[in-house]
Amino acid sequence: MSLFLFVCTGTHTFVTEGEHLELTAVTKELSGSYECIASNDISSPDVRTVQVTVNYPPSISTARSTGTAVGQKGVLQCEASAVPRADFEWYKEDSRLFNGLNGVKIENQGKQSMLVFFNVSEEDYGNYTCVAVNTMGITNASIILYGPGAMHDVNGAAALPRASVCLLLTVAPLYLLRF
């Protein structure tokens, strides 16, 4: 009788007396190299290695909003893990952005995508959406490009500093009283 031993390079070891290994409840953590060692009392063990790849939809791990002054270079970053590797798309509101148009460059490097503004203008400020997609699924994250001095609420949305709003509200009634 032969004994088959399957060993994963991680923390998993499987022993079976059959000719196959059945993995149930498969997660991405089960990806890796598996060695099948067949041994009996007649000859030395035979070892074969099999690479197991578990495909899964994109999951965005990094999506950073950033503040950049007018005239400066600004970068929005988005990072997603996925197998197969995710493709990225960028949107401002409902409009898709394309590399080289409207003064932006899209740089994709592995699991990271960057939207680069070479000369930030007032019109560039706002909400952007990073979309990561592969054959297994799609996900997105909202990222804000804001100007210096803007504050953010707990959801990351830009807001004017409270002092500026109060000052504006105080000055307006005084201005109207002069007339």
C-alpha atoms as a PDB file:
ATOM      1  CA  MET A   1       0.000   0.000   0.000  1.00  0.00           C
ATOM      2  CA  SER A   2       1.259   3.488  -0.887  1.00  0.00           C
ATOM      3  CA  LEU A   3       1.065   6.501   1.394  1.00  0.00           C
ATOM      4  CA  PHE A   4       0.697   9.952  -0.145  1.00  0.00           C
ATOM      5  CA  LEU A   5       1.805  12.942   1.911  1.00  0.00           C
ATOM      6  CA  PHE A   6       0.857  16.445   0.759  1.00  0.00           C
ATOM      7  CA  VAL A   7       2.833  19.277   2.311  1.00  0.00           C
ATOM      8  CA  CYS A   8       2.075  22.968   1.756  1.00  0.00           C
ATOM      9  CA  THR A   9       4.987  25.380   2.072  1.00  0.00           C
ATOM     10  CA  GLY A  10       2.966  27.366   4.609  1.00  0.00           C
ATOM     11  CA  THR A  11       1.469  26.037   7.827  1.00  0.00           C
ATOM     12  CA  HIS A  12      -0.771  23.341   6.333  1.00  0.00           C
ATOM     13  CA  THR A  13       0.102  19.644   6.204  1.00  0.00           C
ATOM     14  CA  PHE A  14      -2.289  17.110   4.717  1.00  0.00           C
ATOM     15  CA  VAL A  15      -1.917  13.346   4.883  1.00  0.00           C
ATOM     16  CA  THR A  16      -4.051  11.018   2.772  1.00  0.00           C
ATOM     17  CA  GLU A  17      -3.885   7.402   1.676  1.00  0.00           C
ATOM     18  CA  GLY A  18      -5.668   8.120  -1.590  1.00  0.00           C
ATOM     19  CA  GLU A  19      -4.279   9.418  -4.839  1.00  0.00           C
ATOM     20  CA  HIS A  20      -5.589  12.949  -4.528  1.00  0.00           C
ATOM     21  CA  LEU A  21      -5.960  15.804  -2.070  1.00  0.00           C
ATOM     22  CA  GLU A  22      -9.312  17.548  -1.856  1.00  0.00           C
ATOM     23  CA  LEU A  23      -9.277  21.082  -0.478  1.00  0.00           C
ATOM     24  CA  THR A  24     -12.616  22.339   0.834  1.00  0.00           C
ATOM     25  CA  ALA A  25     -13.541  25.816   2.055  1.00  0.00           C
ATOM     26  CA  VAL A  26     -10.773  27.227  -0.133  1.00  0.00           C
ATOM     27  CA  THR A  27      -9.441  30.657   0.779  1.00  0.00           C
ATOM     28  CA  LYS A  28      -6.649  32.715  -0.761  1.00  0.00           C
ATOM     29  CA  GLU A  29      -4.424  31.656   2.156  1.00  0.00           C
ATOM     30  CA  LEU A  30      -4.331  28.122   0.715  1.00  0.00           C
ATOM     31  CA  SER A  31      -2.389  29.401  -2.315  1.00  0.00           C
ATOM     32  CA  GLY A  32       1.156  28.136  -2.485  1.00  0.00           C
ATOM     33  CA  SER A  33       3.408  25.243  -3.392  1.00  0.00           C
ATOM     34  CA  TYR A  34       2.306  21.760  -2.399  1.00  0.00           C
ATOM     35  CA  GLU A  35       4.587  18.732  -2.418  1.00  0.00           C
ATOM     36  CA  CYS A  36       3.170  15.306  -3.058  1.00  0.00           C
ATOM     37  CA  ILE A  37       5.395  12.603  -1.618  1.00  0.00           C
ATOM     38  CA  ALA A  38       4.539   9.054  -2.638  1.00  0.00           C
ATOM     39  CA  SER A  39       6.295   6.341  -0.743  1.00  0.00           C
ATOM     40  CA  ASN A  40       6.088   2.587  -0.305  1.00  0.00           C
ATOM     41  CA  ASP A  41       8.327  -0.177   0.987  1.00  0.00           C
ATOM     42  CA  ILE A  42       9.830  -0.989  -2.419  1.00  0.00           C
ATOM     43  CA  SER A  43      11.621   2.170  -3.636  1.00  0.00           C
ATOM     44  CA  SER A  44      12.660   5.619  -2.491  1.00  0.00           C
ATOM     45  CA  PRO A  45       9.923   8.279  -2.235  1.00  0.00           C
ATOM     46  CA  ASP A  46       8.866  10.135  -5.367  1.00  0.00           C
ATOM     47  CA  VAL A  47       8.292  13.885  -4.853  1.00  0.00           C
ATOM     48  CA  ARG A  48       6.318  16.225  -7.114  1.00  0.00           C
ATOM     49  CA  THR A  49       5.521  19.910  -6.541  1.00  0.00           C
ATOM     50  CA  VAL A  50       2.268  21.544  -7.575  1.00  0.00           C
ATOM     51  CA  GLN A  51       1.587  25.275  -7.462  1.00  0.00           C
ATOM     52  CA  VAL A  52      -1.963  26.076  -6.296  1.00  0.00           C
ATOM     53  CA  THR A  53      -3.353  29.503  -7.189  1.00  0.00           C
ATOM     54  CA  VAL A  54      -6.606  30.687  -5.665  1.00  0.00           C
ATOM     55  CA  ASN A  55      -8.349  33.394  -7.691  1.00  0.00           C
ATOM     56  CA  TYR A  56     -10.226  36.097  -5.788  1.00  0.00           C
ATOM     57  CA  PRO A  57     -11.849  39.467  -6.522  1.00  0.00           C
ATOM     58  CA  PRO A  58     -10.053  42.761  -5.869  1.00  0.00           C
ATOM     59  CA  SER A  59      -9.879  44.199  -2.396  1.00  0.00           C
ATOM     60  CA  ILE A  60      -8.656  47.790  -2.041  1.00  0.00           C
ATOM     61  CA  SER A  61      -6.212  48.043   0.838  1.00  0.00           C
ATOM     62  CA  THR A  62      -4.960  51.604   0.344  1.00  0.00           C
ATOM     63  CA  ALA A  63      -6.876  54.666  -0.861  1.00  0.00           C
ATOM     64  CA  ARG A  64      -5.348  57.892   0.424  1.00  0.00           C
ATOM     65  CA  SER A  65      -6.854  61.339   0.015  1.00  0.00           C
ATOM     66  CA  THR A  66      -4.312  64.104  -0.236  1.00  0.00           C
ATOM     67  CA  GLY A  67      -4.017  67.863   0.040  1.00  0.00           C
ATOM     68  CA  THR A  68      -2.061  69.724  -2.612  1.00  0.00           C
ATOM     69  CA  ALA A  69      -1.652  73.447  -3.284  1.00  0.00           C
ATOM     70  CA  VAL A  70      -2.537  74.980  -6.652  1.00  0.00           C
ATOM     71  CA  GLY A  71       0.416  74.770  -9.038  1.00  0.00           C
ATOM     72  CA  GLN A  72       1.989  71.812  -7.246  1.00  0.00           C
ATOM     73  CA  LYS A  73       2.241  68.134  -8.193  1.00  0.00           C
ATOM     74  CA  GLY A  74      -0.481  65.989  -6.626  1.00  0.00           C
ATOM     75  CA  VAL A  75      -0.761  62.213  -6.381  1.00  0.00           C
ATOM     76  CA  LEU A  76      -3.756  60.051  -5.471  1.00  0.00           C
ATOM     77  CA  GLN A  77      -2.882  56.438  -4.629  1.00  0.00           C
ATOM     78  CA  CYS A  78      -4.951  53.268  -4.776  1.00  0.00           C
ATOM     79  CA  GLU A  79      -3.749  49.741  -3.994  1.00  0.00           C
ATOM     80  CA  ALA A  80      -5.671  46.505  -4.499  1.00  0.00           C
ATOM     81  CA  SER A  81      -4.818  42.865  -3.975  1.00  0.00           C
ATOM     82  CA  ALA A  82      -6.406  40.379  -6.385  1.00  0.00           C
ATOM     83  CA  VAL A  83      -5.738  37.212  -8.371  1.00  0.00           C
ATOM     84  CA  PRO A  84      -5.626  37.606 -11.281  1.00  0.00           C
ATOM     85  CA  ARG A  85      -4.107  41.051 -10.826  1.00  0.00           C
ATOM     86  CA  ALA A  86      -6.608  43.905 -10.937  1.00  0.00           C
ATOM     87  CA  ASP A  87      -6.902  46.449 -13.721  1.00  0.00           C
ATOM     88  CA  PHE A  88      -7.510  50.020 -12.556  1.00  0.00           C
ATOM     89  CA  GLU A  89      -9.799  52.795 -13.778  1.00  0.00           C
ATOM     90  CA  TRP A  90     -10.088  56.333 -12.417  1.00  0.00           C
ATOM     91  CA  TYR A  91     -13.162  58.573 -12.432  1.00  0.00           C
ATOM     92  CA  LYS A  92     -13.919  62.138 -11.408  1.00  0.00           C
ATOM     93  CA  GLU A  93     -17.607  62.197 -10.570  1.00  0.00           C
ATOM     94  CA  ASP A  94     -19.147  60.224 -13.480  1.00  0.00           C
ATOM     95  CA  SER A  95     -16.406  60.889 -16.041  1.00  0.00           C
ATOM     96  CA  ARG A  96     -13.699  58.327 -16.698  1.00  0.00           C
ATOM     97  CA  LEU A  97     -10.165  59.718 -16.761  1.00  0.00           C
ATOM     98  CA  PHE A  98      -7.651  58.628 -19.372  1.00  0.00           C
ATOM     99  CA  ASN A  99      -3.878  58.718 -19.256  1.00  0.00           C
ATOM    100  CA  GLY A 100      -2.418  61.935 -20.649  1.00  0.00           C
ATOM    101  CA  LEU A 101      -5.706  63.841 -20.921  1.00  0.00           C
ATOM    102  CA  ASN A 102      -6.637  66.903 -18.833  1.00  0.00           C
ATOM    103  CA  GLY A 103      -3.159  67.157 -17.302  1.00  0.00           C
ATOM    104  CA  VAL A 104      -3.248  63.801 -15.492  1.00  0.00           C
ATOM    105  CA  LYS A 105      -1.161  60.677 -15.808  1.00  0.00           C
ATOM    106  CA  ILE A 106      -2.259  57.231 -14.650  1.00  0.00           C
ATOM    107  CA  GLU A 107       0.630  55.074 -13.448  1.00  0.00           C
ATOM    108  CA  ASN A 108      -0.096  51.395 -12.780  1.00  0.00           C
ATOM    109  CA  GLN A 109       2.633  49.358 -11.118  1.00  0.00           C
ATOM    110  CA  GLY A 110       1.606  45.858 -10.051  1.00  0.00           C
ATOM    111  CA  LYS A 111      -1.106  46.131  -7.428  1.00  0.00           C
ATOM    112  CA  GLN A 112      -0.841  49.930  -7.145  1.00  0.00           C
ATOM    113  CA  SER A 113      -2.314  52.697  -9.269  1.00  0.00           C
ATOM    114  CA  MET A 114      -1.512  56.403  -9.015  1.00  0.00           C
ATOM    115  CA  LEU A 115      -3.348  59.348 -10.499  1.00  0.00           C
ATOM    116  CA  VAL A 116      -0.731  62.077 -10.973  1.00  0.00           C
ATOM    117  CA  PHE A 117      -1.547  65.782 -11.412  1.00  0.00           C
ATOM    118  CA  PHE A 118       1.507  67.688 -12.655  1.00  0.00           C
ATOM    119  CA  ASN A 119       0.064  71.148 -12.017  1.00  0.00           C
ATOM    120  CA  VAL A 120      -2.948  71.105  -9.683  1.00  0.00           C
ATOM    121  CA  SER A 121      -5.649  73.687 -10.438  1.00  0.00           C
ATOM    122  CA  GLU A 122      -8.813  74.644  -8.518  1.00  0.00           C
ATOM    123  CA  GLU A 123     -10.839  72.566 -11.001  1.00  0.00           C
ATOM    124  CA  ASP A 124      -8.878  69.446 -10.019  1.00  0.00           C
ATOM    125  CA  TYR A 125     -10.108  69.519  -6.425  1.00  0.00           C
ATOM    126  CA  GLY A 126     -12.876  67.080  -5.656  1.00  0.00           C
ATOM    127  CA  ASN A 127     -13.893  63.475  -5.308  1.00  0.00           C
ATOM    128  CA  TYR A 128     -12.222  60.762  -7.396  1.00  0.00           C
ATOM    129  CA  THR A 129     -13.068  57.082  -7.622  1.00  0.00           C
ATOM    130  CA  CYS A 130     -10.501  54.334  -8.029  1.00  0.00           C
ATOM    131  CA  VAL A 131     -12.022  51.185  -9.548  1.00  0.00           C
ATOM    132  CA  ALA A 132     -10.204  47.831  -9.361  1.00  0.00           C
ATOM    133  CA  VAL A 133     -11.538  45.021 -11.554  1.00  0.00           C
ATOM    134  CA  ASN A 134     -10.578  41.482 -12.537  1.00  0.00           C
ATOM    135  CA  THR A 135     -12.438  38.441 -13.861  1.00  0.00           C
ATOM    136  CA  MET A 136     -13.591  37.590 -10.328  1.00  0.00           C
ATOM    137  CA  GLY A 137     -15.184  40.931  -9.448  1.00  0.00           C
ATOM    138  CA  ILE A 138     -15.003  44.680  -9.029  1.00  0.00           C
ATOM    139  CA  THR A 139     -14.584  47.135  -6.159  1.00  0.00           C
ATOM    140  CA  ASN A 140     -14.017  50.872  -5.781  1.00  0.00           C
ATOM    141  CA  ALA A 141     -12.879  53.498  -3.315  1.00  0.00           C
ATOM    142  CA  SER A 142     -13.494  57.225  -3.043  1.00  0.00           C
ATOM    143  CA  ILE A 143     -10.414  59.460  -2.802  1.00  0.00           C
ATOM    144  CA  ILE A 144     -10.388  63.231  -2.393  1.00  0.00           C
ATOM    145  CA  LEU A 145      -7.930  65.759  -3.793  1.00  0.00           C
ATOM    146  CA  TYR A 146      -8.284  68.869  -1.635  1.00  0.00           C
ATOM    147  CA  GLY A 147      -6.556  72.189  -1.182  1.00  0.00           C
ATOM    148  CA  PRO A 148      -4.393  73.249   1.737  1.00  0.00           C
ATOM    149  CA  GLY A 149      -6.309  74.225   4.853  1.00  0.00           C
ATOM    150  CA  ALA A 150      -9.287  71.982   4.092  1.00  0.00           C
ATOM    151  CA  MET A 151     -10.332  69.770   6.972  1.00  0.00           C
ATOM    152  CA  HIS A 152     -11.899  66.323   6.703  1.00  0.00           C
ATOM    153  CA  ASP A 153     -14.788  64.667   8.482  1.00  0.00           C
ATOM    154  CA  VAL A 154     -14.619  61.068   9.718  1.00  0.00           C
ATOM    155  CA  ASN A 155     -15.586  59.798   6.249  1.00  0.00           C
ATOM    156  CA  GLY A 156     -12.694  61.655   4.620  1.00  0.00           C
ATOM    157  CA  ALA A 157     -14.838  64.342   2.956  1.00  0.00           C
ATOM    158  CA  ALA A 158     -13.252  67.753   2.629  1.00  0.00           C
ATOM    159  CA  ALA A 159     -14.780  70.666   4.508  1.00  0.00           C
ATOM    160  CA  LEU A 160     -13.896  74.301   4.954  1.00  0.00           C
ATOM    161  CA  PRO A 161     -12.277  75.213   8.253  1.00  0.00           C
ATOM    162  CA  ARG A 162     -14.965  76.300  10.751  1.00  0.00           C
ATOM    163  CA  ALA A 163     -13.218  79.585  11.485  1.00  0.00           C
ATOM    164  CA  SER A 164     -13.475  80.632   7.823  1.00  0.00           C
ATOM    165  CA  VAL A 165     -17.187  79.815   7.698  1.00  0.00           C
ATOM    166  CA  CYS A 166     -17.871  81.762  10.906  1.00  0.00           C
ATOM    167  CA  LEU A 167     -15.856  84.722   9.669  1.00  0.00           C
ATOM    168  CA  LEU A 168     -17.765  84.724   6.393  1.00  0.00           C
ATOM    169  CA  LEU A 169     -21.113  84.627   8.214  1.00  0.00           C
ATOM    170  CA  THR A 170     -20.037  87.452  10.534  1.00  0.00           C
ATOM    171  CA  VAL A 171     -18.712  89.723   7.792  1.00  0.00           C
ATOM    172  CA  ALA A 172     -21.746  89.333   5.492  1.00  0.00           C
ATOM    173  CA  PRO A 173     -24.335  90.853   7.935  1.00  0.00           C
ATOM    174  CA  LEU A 174     -21.967  93.749   8.762  1.00  0.00           C
ATOM    175  CA  TYR A 175     -21.496  94.448   5.070  1.00  0.00           C
ATOM    176  CA  LEU A 176     -25.277  94.480   4.494  1.00  0.00           C
ATOM    177  CA  LEU A 177     -25.839  96.871   7.435  1.00  0.00           C
ATOM    178  CA  ARG A 178     -23.686  99.524   5.748  1.00  0.00           C
ATOM    179  CA  PHE A 179     -26.234  99.942   2.950  1.00  0.00           C
END
